[in-house]
Amino acid sequence: DTDNDGVLFLSIPAYDNWDVYVDGSKAERIDELDIGFTGVYVPAGSHEIELRYNNRFVNYGSIVSMIGLILLVRALALRKNHKQ
């Protein structure tokens, strides 16, 4: 809640991987403030702020892990069937 337009100072590092949403809409601008921290313009009024960390390497790692898990389960199932 704020009476005036302003900038929300977030004590998180200013990385390109952060997405900030104000009331469900992606913030137009995310600024770097005070030696590497993140700032987001917020208009006057009451707002809900949401932060999302979006890193493509984490996403790729999740996909590779799921494929590996599926292959492991399949290999164990084949091994169990082979012993019977």
PDB file of N, CA and C in Angstrom:
ATOM      1  N   ASP A   1       0.849  -1.187   0.000  1.00  0.00           N
ATOM      2  CA  ASP A   1       0.000   0.000   0.000  1.00  0.00           C
ATOM      3  C   ASP A   1       0.882   1.233   0.000  1.00  0.00           C
ATOM      4  N   THR A   2       0.569   2.150  -0.871  1.00  0.00           N
ATOM      5  CA  THR A   2       1.315   3.407  -0.922  1.00  0.00           C
ATOM      6  C   THR A   2       0.395   4.537  -1.369  1.00  0.00           C
ATOM      7  N   ASP A   3       0.623   5.719  -0.819  1.00  0.00           N
ATOM      8  CA  ASP A   3      -0.179   6.889  -1.182  1.00  0.00           C
ATOM      9  C   ASP A   3       0.305   7.554  -2.459  1.00  0.00           C
ATOM     10  N   ASN A   4       1.566   7.334  -2.813  1.00  0.00           N
ATOM     11  CA  ASN A   4       2.174   7.977  -3.983  1.00  0.00           C
ATOM     12  C   ASN A   4       2.819   6.936  -4.886  1.00  0.00           C
ATOM     13  N   ASP A   5       3.031   7.317  -6.148  1.00  0.00           N
ATOM     14  CA  ASP A   5       3.819   6.476  -7.040  1.00  0.00           C
ATOM     15  C   ASP A   5       5.214   6.346  -6.440  1.00  0.00           C
ATOM     16  N   GLY A   6       5.849   5.197  -6.660  1.00  0.00           N
ATOM     17  CA  GLY A   6       7.181   5.029  -6.107  1.00  0.00           C
ATOM     18  C   GLY A   6       7.889   3.835  -6.684  1.00  0.00           C
ATOM     19  N   VAL A   7       9.013   3.520  -6.087  1.00  0.00           N
ATOM     20  CA  VAL A   7       9.825   2.376  -6.504  1.00  0.00           C
ATOM     21  C   VAL A   7       9.945   1.432  -5.315  1.00  0.00           C
ATOM     22  N   LEU A   8       9.621   0.180  -5.544  1.00  0.00           N
ATOM     23  CA  LEU A   8       9.783  -0.846  -4.528  1.00  0.00           C
ATOM     24  C   LEU A   8      11.217  -1.348  -4.607  1.00  0.00           C
ATOM     25  N   PHE A   9      11.954  -1.196  -3.520  1.00  0.00           N
ATOM     26  CA  PHE A   9      13.340  -1.642  -3.442  1.00  0.00           C
ATOM     27  C   PHE A   9      13.335  -3.071  -2.918  1.00  0.00           C
ATOM     28  N   LEU A  10      13.890  -3.992  -3.704  1.00  0.00           N
ATOM     29  CA  LEU A  10      13.956  -5.405  -3.319  1.00  0.00           C
ATOM     30  C   LEU A  10      15.414  -5.770  -3.066  1.00  0.00           C
ATOM     31  N   SER A  11      15.688  -6.357  -1.931  1.00  0.00           N
ATOM     32  CA  SER A  11      17.078  -6.698  -1.609  1.00  0.00           C
ATOM     33  C   SER A  11      17.444  -8.062  -2.186  1.00  0.00           C
ATOM     34  N   ILE A  12      17.212  -8.194  -3.490  1.00  0.00           N
ATOM     35  CA  ILE A  12      17.638  -9.371  -4.246  1.00  0.00           C
ATOM     36  C   ILE A  12      18.560  -8.887  -5.364  1.00  0.00           C
ATOM     37  N   PRO A  13      19.521  -9.701  -5.754  1.00  0.00           N
ATOM     38  CA  PRO A  13      20.425  -9.274  -6.830  1.00  0.00           C
ATOM     39  C   PRO A  13      19.660  -9.012  -8.131  1.00  0.00           C
ATOM     40  N   ALA A  14      20.095  -8.013  -8.854  1.00  0.00           N
ATOM     41  CA  ALA A  14      19.456  -7.638 -10.119  1.00  0.00           C
ATOM     42  C   ALA A  14      19.960  -8.548 -11.232  1.00  0.00           C
ATOM     43  N   TYR A  15      19.296  -9.682 -11.415  1.00  0.00           N
ATOM     44  CA  TYR A  15      19.609 -10.621 -12.489  1.00  0.00           C
ATOM     45  C   TYR A  15      18.522 -10.535 -13.539  1.00  0.00           C
ATOM     46  N   ASP A  16      18.889 -10.821 -14.781  1.00  0.00           N
ATOM     47  CA  ASP A  16      17.904 -10.830 -15.868  1.00  0.00           C
ATOM     48  C   ASP A  16      16.870 -11.935 -15.695  1.00  0.00           C
ATOM     49  N   ASN A  17      17.154 -12.913 -14.855  1.00  0.00           N
ATOM     50  CA  ASN A  17      16.259 -14.057 -14.702  1.00  0.00           C
ATOM     51  C   ASN A  17      15.048 -13.777 -13.827  1.00  0.00           C
ATOM     52  N   TRP A  18      14.996 -12.629 -13.158  1.00  0.00           N
ATOM     53  CA  TRP A  18      13.849 -12.288 -12.325  1.00  0.00           C
ATOM     54  C   TRP A  18      12.747 -11.665 -13.161  1.00  0.00           C
ATOM     55  N   ASP A  19      11.521 -12.152 -12.979  1.00  0.00           N
ATOM     56  CA  ASP A  19      10.334 -11.514 -13.537  1.00  0.00           C
ATOM     57  C   ASP A  19       9.516 -11.016 -12.355  1.00  0.00           C
ATOM     58  N   VAL A  20       9.034  -9.775 -12.460  1.00  0.00           N
ATOM     59  CA  VAL A  20       8.236  -9.191 -11.400  1.00  0.00           C
ATOM     60  C   VAL A  20       6.855  -8.886 -11.962  1.00  0.00           C
ATOM     61  N   TYR A  21       5.834  -9.283 -11.211  1.00  0.00           N
ATOM     62  CA  TYR A  21       4.450  -9.057 -11.611  1.00  0.00           C
ATOM     63  C   TYR A  21       3.778  -8.164 -10.581  1.00  0.00           C
ATOM     64  N   VAL A  22       3.092  -7.137 -11.063  1.00  0.00           N
ATOM     65  CA  VAL A  22       2.326  -6.235 -10.213  1.00  0.00           C
ATOM     66  C   VAL A  22       0.859  -6.459 -10.548  1.00  0.00           C
ATOM     67  N   ASP A  23       0.099  -6.949  -9.577  1.00  0.00           N
ATOM     68  CA  ASP A  23      -1.318  -7.263  -9.765  1.00  0.00           C
ATOM     69  C   ASP A  23      -1.558  -8.212 -10.942  1.00  0.00           C
ATOM     70  N   GLY A  24      -0.660  -9.192 -11.117  1.00  0.00           N
ATOM     71  CA  GLY A  24      -0.825 -10.206 -12.153  1.00  0.00           C
ATOM     72  C   GLY A  24      -0.273  -9.832 -13.513  1.00  0.00           C
ATOM     73  N   SER A  25       0.154  -8.578 -13.705  1.00  0.00           N
ATOM     74  CA  SER A  25       0.725  -8.150 -14.990  1.00  0.00           C
ATOM     75  C   SER A  25       2.238  -7.985 -14.839  1.00  0.00           C
ATOM     76  N   LYS A  26       2.967  -8.460 -15.856  1.00  0.00           N
ATOM     77  CA  LYS A  26       4.423  -8.350 -15.805  1.00  0.00           C
ATOM     78  C   LYS A  26       4.833  -6.885 -15.766  1.00  0.00           C
ATOM     79  N   ALA A  27       5.737  -6.552 -14.855  1.00  0.00           N
ATOM     80  CA  ALA A  27       6.217  -5.177 -14.719  1.00  0.00           C
ATOM     81  C   ALA A  27       6.931  -4.753 -15.993  1.00  0.00           C
ATOM     82  N   GLU A  28       6.644  -3.543 -16.435  1.00  0.00           N
ATOM     83  CA  GLU A  28       7.266  -3.024 -17.662  1.00  0.00           C
ATOM     84  C   GLU A  28       8.750  -2.784 -17.476  1.00  0.00           C
ATOM     85  N   ARG A  29       9.109  -2.323 -16.284  1.00  0.00           N
ATOM     86  CA  ARG A  29      10.510  -1.988 -16.020  1.00  0.00           C
ATOM     87  C   ARG A  29      10.975  -2.602 -14.721  1.00  0.00           C
ATOM     88  N   ILE A  30      12.151  -3.188 -14.773  1.00  0.00           N
ATOM     89  CA  ILE A  30      12.846  -3.639 -13.570  1.00  0.00           C
ATOM     90  C   ILE A  30      14.204  -2.950 -13.610  1.00  0.00           C
ATOM     91  N   ASP A  31      14.482  -2.130 -12.610  1.00  0.00           N
ATOM     92  CA  ASP A  31      15.711  -1.351 -12.596  1.00  0.00           C
ATOM     93  C   ASP A  31      16.730  -1.921 -11.626  1.00  0.00           C
ATOM     94  N   GLU A  32      18.008  -1.649 -11.922  1.00  0.00           N
ATOM     95  CA  GLU A  32      19.072  -1.985 -10.992  1.00  0.00           C
ATOM     96  C   GLU A  32      19.304  -0.774 -10.104  1.00  0.00           C
ATOM     97  N   LEU A  33      19.242  -0.969  -8.801  1.00  0.00           N
ATOM     98  CA  LEU A  33      19.393   0.115  -7.836  1.00  0.00           C
ATOM     99  C   LEU A  33      20.545  -0.161  -6.890  1.00  0.00           C
ATOM    100  N   ASP A  34      21.190   0.881  -6.438  1.00  0.00           N
ATOM    101  CA  ASP A  34      22.138   0.828  -5.334  1.00  0.00           C
ATOM    102  C   ASP A  34      23.079  -0.371  -5.394  1.00  0.00           C
ATOM    103  N   ILE A  35      23.892  -0.412  -6.401  1.00  0.00           N
ATOM    104  CA  ILE A  35      24.923  -1.437  -6.562  1.00  0.00           C
ATOM    105  C   ILE A  35      24.354  -2.856  -6.649  1.00  0.00           C
ATOM    106  N   GLY A  36      23.461  -3.069  -7.612  1.00  0.00           N
ATOM    107  CA  GLY A  36      23.062  -4.424  -7.942  1.00  0.00           C
ATOM    108  C   GLY A  36      21.776  -4.953  -7.363  1.00  0.00           C
ATOM    109  N   PHE A  37      20.993  -4.141  -6.673  1.00  0.00           N
ATOM    110  CA  PHE A  37      19.714  -4.610  -6.175  1.00  0.00           C
ATOM    111  C   PHE A  37      18.614  -4.307  -7.186  1.00  0.00           C
ATOM    112  N   THR A  38      17.418  -4.822  -6.938  1.00  0.00           N
ATOM    113  CA  THR A  38      16.318  -4.717  -7.876  1.00  0.00           C
ATOM    114  C   THR A  38      15.306  -3.679  -7.411  1.00  0.00           C
ATOM    115  N   GLY A  39      14.808  -2.889  -8.351  1.00  0.00           N
ATOM    116  CA  GLY A  39      13.762  -1.916  -8.053  1.00  0.00           C
ATOM    117  C   GLY A  39      12.651  -2.023  -9.078  1.00  0.00           C
ATOM    118  N   VAL A  40      11.405  -1.877  -8.622  1.00  0.00           N
ATOM    119  CA  VAL A  40      10.240  -1.995  -9.498  1.00  0.00           C
ATOM    120  C   VAL A  40       9.340  -0.792  -9.273  1.00  0.00           C
ATOM    121  N   TYR A  41       8.935  -0.128 -10.357  1.00  0.00           N
ATOM    122  CA  TYR A  41       8.008   0.996 -10.261  1.00  0.00           C
ATOM    123  C   TYR A  41       6.640   0.472  -9.821  1.00  0.00           C
ATOM    124  N   VAL A  42       6.045   1.141  -8.841  1.00  0.00           N
ATOM    125  CA  VAL A  42       4.721   0.768  -8.333  1.00  0.00           C
ATOM    126  C   VAL A  42       3.877   2.034  -8.245  1.00  0.00           C
ATOM    127  N   PRO A  43       2.727   2.060  -8.927  1.00  0.00           N
ATOM    128  CA  PRO A  43       1.859   3.233  -8.835  1.00  0.00           C
ATOM    129  C   PRO A  43       1.178   3.306  -7.465  1.00  0.00           C
ATOM    130  N   ALA A  44       0.633   4.467  -7.154  1.00  0.00           N
ATOM    131  CA  ALA A  44      -0.062   4.661  -5.881  1.00  0.00           C
ATOM    132  C   ALA A  44      -1.217   3.678  -5.760  1.00  0.00           C
ATOM    133  N   GLY A  45      -1.486   3.243  -4.535  1.00  0.00           N
ATOM    134  CA  GLY A  45      -2.591   2.324  -4.294  1.00  0.00           C
ATOM    135  C   GLY A  45      -2.128   1.041  -3.627  1.00  0.00           C
ATOM    136  N   SER A  46      -3.009   0.078  -3.597  1.00  0.00           N
ATOM    137  CA  SER A  46      -2.730  -1.227  -2.995  1.00  0.00           C
ATOM    138  C   SER A  46      -2.458  -2.233  -4.111  1.00  0.00           C
ATOM    139  N   HIS A  47      -1.341  -2.941  -4.008  1.00  0.00           N
ATOM    140  CA  HIS A  47      -0.931  -3.859  -5.069  1.00  0.00           C
ATOM    141  C   HIS A  47      -0.386  -5.156  -4.510  1.00  0.00           C
ATOM    142  N   GLU A  48      -0.457  -6.208  -5.327  1.00  0.00           N
ATOM    143  CA  GLU A  48       0.159  -7.487  -5.002  1.00  0.00           C
ATOM    144  C   GLU A  48       1.373  -7.650  -5.902  1.00  0.00           C
ATOM    145  N   ILE A  49       2.528  -7.889  -5.290  1.00  0.00           N
ATOM    146  CA  ILE A  49       3.789  -8.028  -6.017  1.00  0.00           C
ATOM    147  C   ILE A  49       4.197  -9.500  -5.981  1.00  0.00           C
ATOM    148  N   GLU A  50       4.537 -10.050  -7.151  1.00  0.00           N
ATOM    149  CA  GLU A  50       4.962 -11.445  -7.242  1.00  0.00           C
ATOM    150  C   GLU A  50       6.301 -11.504  -7.970  1.00  0.00           C
ATOM    151  N   LEU A  51       7.230 -12.269  -7.417  1.00  0.00           N
ATOM    152  CA  LEU A  51       8.540 -12.465  -8.024  1.00  0.00           C
ATOM    153  C   LEU A  51       8.630 -13.890  -8.546  1.00  0.00           C
ATOM    154  N   ARG A  52       9.158 -14.042  -9.749  1.00  0.00           N
ATOM    155  CA  ARG A  52       9.374 -15.376 -10.325  1.00  0.00           C
ATOM    156  C   ARG A  52      10.797 -15.426 -10.877  1.00  0.00           C
ATOM    157  N   TYR A  53      11.522 -16.457 -10.477  1.00  0.00           N
ATOM    158  CA  TYR A  53      12.879 -16.662 -10.985  1.00  0.00           C
ATOM    159  C   TYR A  53      12.785 -17.621 -12.160  1.00  0.00           C
ATOM    160  N   ASN A  54      13.183 -17.166 -13.316  1.00  0.00           N
ATOM    161  CA  ASN A  54      13.020 -17.930 -14.547  1.00  0.00           C
ATOM    162  C   ASN A  54      14.394 -18.131 -15.185  1.00  0.00           C
ATOM    163  N   ASN A  55      14.961 -19.314 -14.972  1.00  0.00           N
ATOM    164  CA  ASN A  55      16.289 -19.609 -15.495  1.00  0.00           C
ATOM    165  C   ASN A  55      16.187 -20.793 -16.446  1.00  0.00           C
ATOM    166  N   ARG A  56      16.556 -20.597 -17.684  1.00  0.00           N
ATOM    167  CA  ARG A  56      16.385 -21.659 -18.682  1.00  0.00           C
ATOM    168  C   ARG A  56      17.212 -22.890 -18.355  1.00  0.00           C
ATOM    169  N   PHE A  57      18.371 -22.727 -17.709  1.00  0.00           N
ATOM    170  CA  PHE A  57      19.193 -23.877 -17.377  1.00  0.00           C
ATOM    171  C   PHE A  57      18.531 -24.738 -16.301  1.00  0.00           C
ATOM    172  N   VAL A  58      17.833 -24.113 -15.373  1.00  0.00           N
ATOM    173  CA  VAL A  58      17.079 -24.874 -14.370  1.00  0.00           C
ATOM    174  C   VAL A  58      15.956 -25.637 -15.069  1.00  0.00           C
ATOM    175  N   ASN A  59      15.287 -24.983 -16.009  1.00  0.00           N
ATOM    176  CA  ASN A  59      14.216 -25.644 -16.758  1.00  0.00           C
ATOM    177  C   ASN A  59      14.761 -26.826 -17.561  1.00  0.00           C
ATOM    178  N   TYR A  60      15.879 -26.640 -18.239  1.00  0.00           N
ATOM    179  CA  TYR A  60      16.492 -27.731 -19.007  1.00  0.00           C
ATOM    180  C   TYR A  60      16.904 -28.865 -18.073  1.00  0.00           C
ATOM    181  N   GLY A  61      17.478 -28.531 -16.928  1.00  0.00           N
ATOM    182  CA  GLY A  61      17.896 -29.539 -15.964  1.00  0.00           C
ATOM    183  C   GLY A  61      16.719 -30.367 -15.466  1.00  0.00           C
ATOM    184  N   SER A  62      15.588 -29.721 -15.268  1.00  0.00           N
ATOM    185  CA  SER A  62      14.388 -30.445 -14.833  1.00  0.00           C
ATOM    186  C   SER A  62      13.935 -31.443 -15.895  1.00  0.00           C
ATOM    187  N   ILE A  63      13.982 -31.035 -17.139  1.00  0.00           N
ATOM    188  CA  ILE A  63      13.580 -31.918 -18.246  1.00  0.00           C
ATOM    189  C   ILE A  63      14.526 -33.115 -18.340  1.00  0.00           C
ATOM    190  N   VAL A  64      15.824 -32.858 -18.278  1.00  0.00           N
ATOM    191  CA  VAL A  64      16.809 -33.943 -18.357  1.00  0.00           C
ATOM    192  C   VAL A  64      16.646 -34.897 -17.172  1.00  0.00           C
ATOM    193  N   SER A  65      16.379 -34.355 -15.984  1.00  0.00           N
ATOM    194  CA  SER A  65      16.168 -35.203 -14.806  1.00  0.00           C
ATOM    195  C   SER A  65      14.940 -36.082 -14.968  1.00  0.00           C
ATOM    196  N   MET A  66      13.867 -35.542 -15.494  1.00  0.00           N
ATOM    197  CA  MET A  66      12.649 -36.333 -15.699  1.00  0.00           C
ATOM    198  C   MET A  66      12.885 -37.448 -16.718  1.00  0.00           C
ATOM    199  N   ILE A  67      13.593 -37.139 -17.794  1.00  0.00           N
ATOM    200  CA  ILE A  67      13.912 -38.174 -18.789  1.00  0.00           C
ATOM    201  C   ILE A  67      14.754 -39.273 -18.153  1.00  0.00           C
ATOM    202  N   GLY A  68      15.747 -38.883 -17.359  1.00  0.00           N
ATOM    203  CA  GLY A  68      16.586 -39.866 -16.675  1.00  0.00           C
ATOM    204  C   GLY A  68      15.783 -40.737 -15.724  1.00  0.00           C
ATOM    205  N   LEU A  69      14.842 -40.143 -14.991  1.00  0.00           N
ATOM    206  CA  LEU A  69      14.001 -40.902 -14.075  1.00  0.00           C
ATOM    207  C   LEU A  69      13.125 -41.896 -14.829  1.00  0.00           C
ATOM    208  N   ILE A  70      12.550 -41.467 -15.938  1.00  0.00           N
ATOM    209  CA  ILE A  70      11.719 -42.366 -16.756  1.00  0.00           C
ATOM    210  C   ILE A  70      12.549 -43.535 -17.282  1.00  0.00           C
ATOM    211  N   LEU A  71      13.750 -43.246 -17.768  1.00  0.00           N
ATOM    212  CA  LEU A  71      14.621 -44.316 -18.273  1.00  0.00           C
ATOM    213  C   LEU A  71      15.035 -45.284 -17.164  1.00  0.00           C
ATOM    214  N   LEU A  72      15.293 -44.763 -15.972  1.00  0.00           N
ATOM    215  CA  LEU A  72      15.659 -45.617 -14.848  1.00  0.00           C
ATOM    216  C   LEU A  72      14.509 -46.547 -14.467  1.00  0.00           C
ATOM    217  N   VAL A  73      13.320 -46.000 -14.367  1.00  0.00           N
ATOM    218  CA  VAL A  73      12.146 -46.813 -14.027  1.00  0.00           C
ATOM    219  C   VAL A  73      11.922 -47.883 -15.090  1.00  0.00           C
ATOM    220  N   ARG A  74      12.068 -47.502 -16.336  1.00  0.00           N
ATOM    221  CA  ARG A  74      11.883 -48.471 -17.438  1.00  0.00           C
ATOM    222  C   ARG A  74      12.944 -49.579 -17.369  1.00  0.00           C
ATOM    223  N   ALA A  75      14.198 -49.190 -17.114  1.00  0.00           N
ATOM    224  CA  ALA A  75      15.273 -50.185 -17.024  1.00  0.00           C
ATOM    225  C   ALA A  75      15.037 -51.131 -15.859  1.00  0.00           C
ATOM    226  N   LEU A  76      14.588 -50.622 -14.723  1.00  0.00           N
ATOM    227  CA  LEU A  76      14.296 -51.489 -13.578  1.00  0.00           C
ATOM    228  C   LEU A  76      13.129 -52.417 -13.870  1.00  0.00           C
ATOM    229  N   ALA A  77      12.114 -51.922 -14.564  1.00  0.00           N
ATOM    230  CA  ALA A  77      10.965 -52.761 -14.924  1.00  0.00           C
ATOM    231  C   ALA A  77      11.392 -53.863 -15.885  1.00  0.00           C
ATOM    232  N   LEU A  78      12.239 -53.537 -16.860  1.00  0.00           N
ATOM    233  CA  LEU A  78      12.721 -54.550 -17.804  1.00  0.00           C
ATOM    234  C   LEU A  78      13.580 -55.596 -17.094  1.00  0.00           C
ATOM    235  N   ARG A  79      14.383 -55.149 -16.156  1.00  0.00           N
ATOM    236  CA  ARG A  79      15.237 -56.075 -15.411  1.00  0.00           C
ATOM    237  C   ARG A  79      14.383 -57.043 -14.573  1.00  0.00           C
ATOM    238  N   LYS A  80      13.345 -56.513 -13.949  1.00  0.00           N
ATOM    239  CA  LYS A  80      12.448 -57.338 -13.147  1.00  0.00           C
ATOM    240  C   LYS A  80      11.738 -58.371 -14.036  1.00  0.00           C
ATOM    241  N   ASN A  81      11.272 -57.949 -15.200  1.00  0.00           N
ATOM    242  CA  ASN A  81      10.601 -58.854 -16.131  1.00  0.00           C
ATOM    243  C   ASN A  81      11.554 -59.906 -16.684  1.00  0.00           C
ATOM    244  N   HIS A  82      12.805 -59.538 -16.883  1.00  0.00           N
ATOM    245  CA  HIS A  82      13.808 -60.463 -17.426  1.00  0.00           C
ATOM    246  C   HIS A  82      14.129 -61.587 -16.435  1.00  0.00           C
ATOM    247  N   LYS A  83      14.112 -61.276 -15.119  1.00  0.00           N
ATOM    248  CA  LYS A  83      14.415 -62.284 -14.103  1.00  0.00           C
ATOM    249  C   LYS A  83      13.307 -63.312 -13.960  1.00  0.00           C
ATOM    250  N   GLN A  84      12.107 -62.977 -14.340  1.00  0.00           N
ATOM    251  CA  GLN A  84      10.973 -63.904 -14.181  1.00  0.00           C
ATOM    252  C   GLN A  84      10.965 -64.916 -15.230  1.00  0.00           C
TER     253      GLN A  84
END
